[in-house]
Amino acid sequence: MLRSQLAVWLVLVVFLPAWVAAAEPQPLPRAHAHNDYEHPRPLHDALVCGFCSVEADIWRPKEGLLVAHMPRELKPERTLEKLYLEPLRQRARANGGTIYPNGPEFYLLIDIKSDAKETYAALAKVLEQYADILTVVCDGRTATNAVTVIISGNRDVATIRQQAVRYAMIDGRPSDLDGGAPCHLIPWISQSWRVLFQWDGTGEMPAHQRTKLRDLVATAHQQGRKVRLWGTPENEAAWKELLAAGVDFLNTDRLAELEKFLRSQR
């Protein structure tokens, strides 16, 4: 009896990690979950689909940093730590320092909805508590970790720029492509699709708009920055154009549909 129990234990020790890794979805580095917290299981639903970037809107009421799109939706139990930072820490520890076993870099886009300065001051203190899993920039040098935090929305750019040690970077805008900011400060360029383009995903994308899209991506990539466009048409025609143009993150509310599309392209 003892020998059989020992044999079972040895099998679990040797093969269980491989079984767990095999059960994980293949990561999709270009999949971004827009307003991820609005899904039935924040973060988890995106991870099940293999997404490597998720977005959380935060507010700073008296209760702390709460995740919601509008103030009326705030709930004390839906904190940034509980919904995102703590689960990501647990996954990173379980997977040897990455969110997916041997997986790519994972992004947490934090869209600040309340006052930029006050909210970031509170957020910076929280992020410091998760230094063990977060990418850190120290005196201009970047040490990549399991999770890279990008700040969007109401951004306290001046404060973030001045920090000698920080656990967050800035979500830039196309105008930042002319500003010369280092990539460790502004690694992303984001913009609303409707601000730049009129095509709604129906029929062929007009040639001049396709050229404009590809020029934007090429300029950003030449500077070492990634591109994300929000509010894009949610269909395969648009996703194919974004992939062909080299857009780094396909922004979606339809997790399963985008997952299916990206896996079919691979």
Foldseek 3Di string as FASTA:
>chain_A
DVVVVVVVVVCCVPCVVVVVLVQFDAADQFAEEECQVPDPQRPVVLRNLRYQHYEFEWEQDPLATATDDDPVPTDSVRHCCVRPVVVQLVCCVVQVFANRNVDDAGEYEYAYDYAAPVNVVRVFVVVVVSVVAAWKAAQNDIDHTHYQYEYHHNHPLVVLVPDRIGRYAYAAALVCLPVPDACVRHQEYEEECVVQDDDQLPDDGDPVSLVVLLVSQVSSVVRNHAYDYPPHRPDLSRVVSCVVSPHRHDYDNDSVVVSVSVVVVD
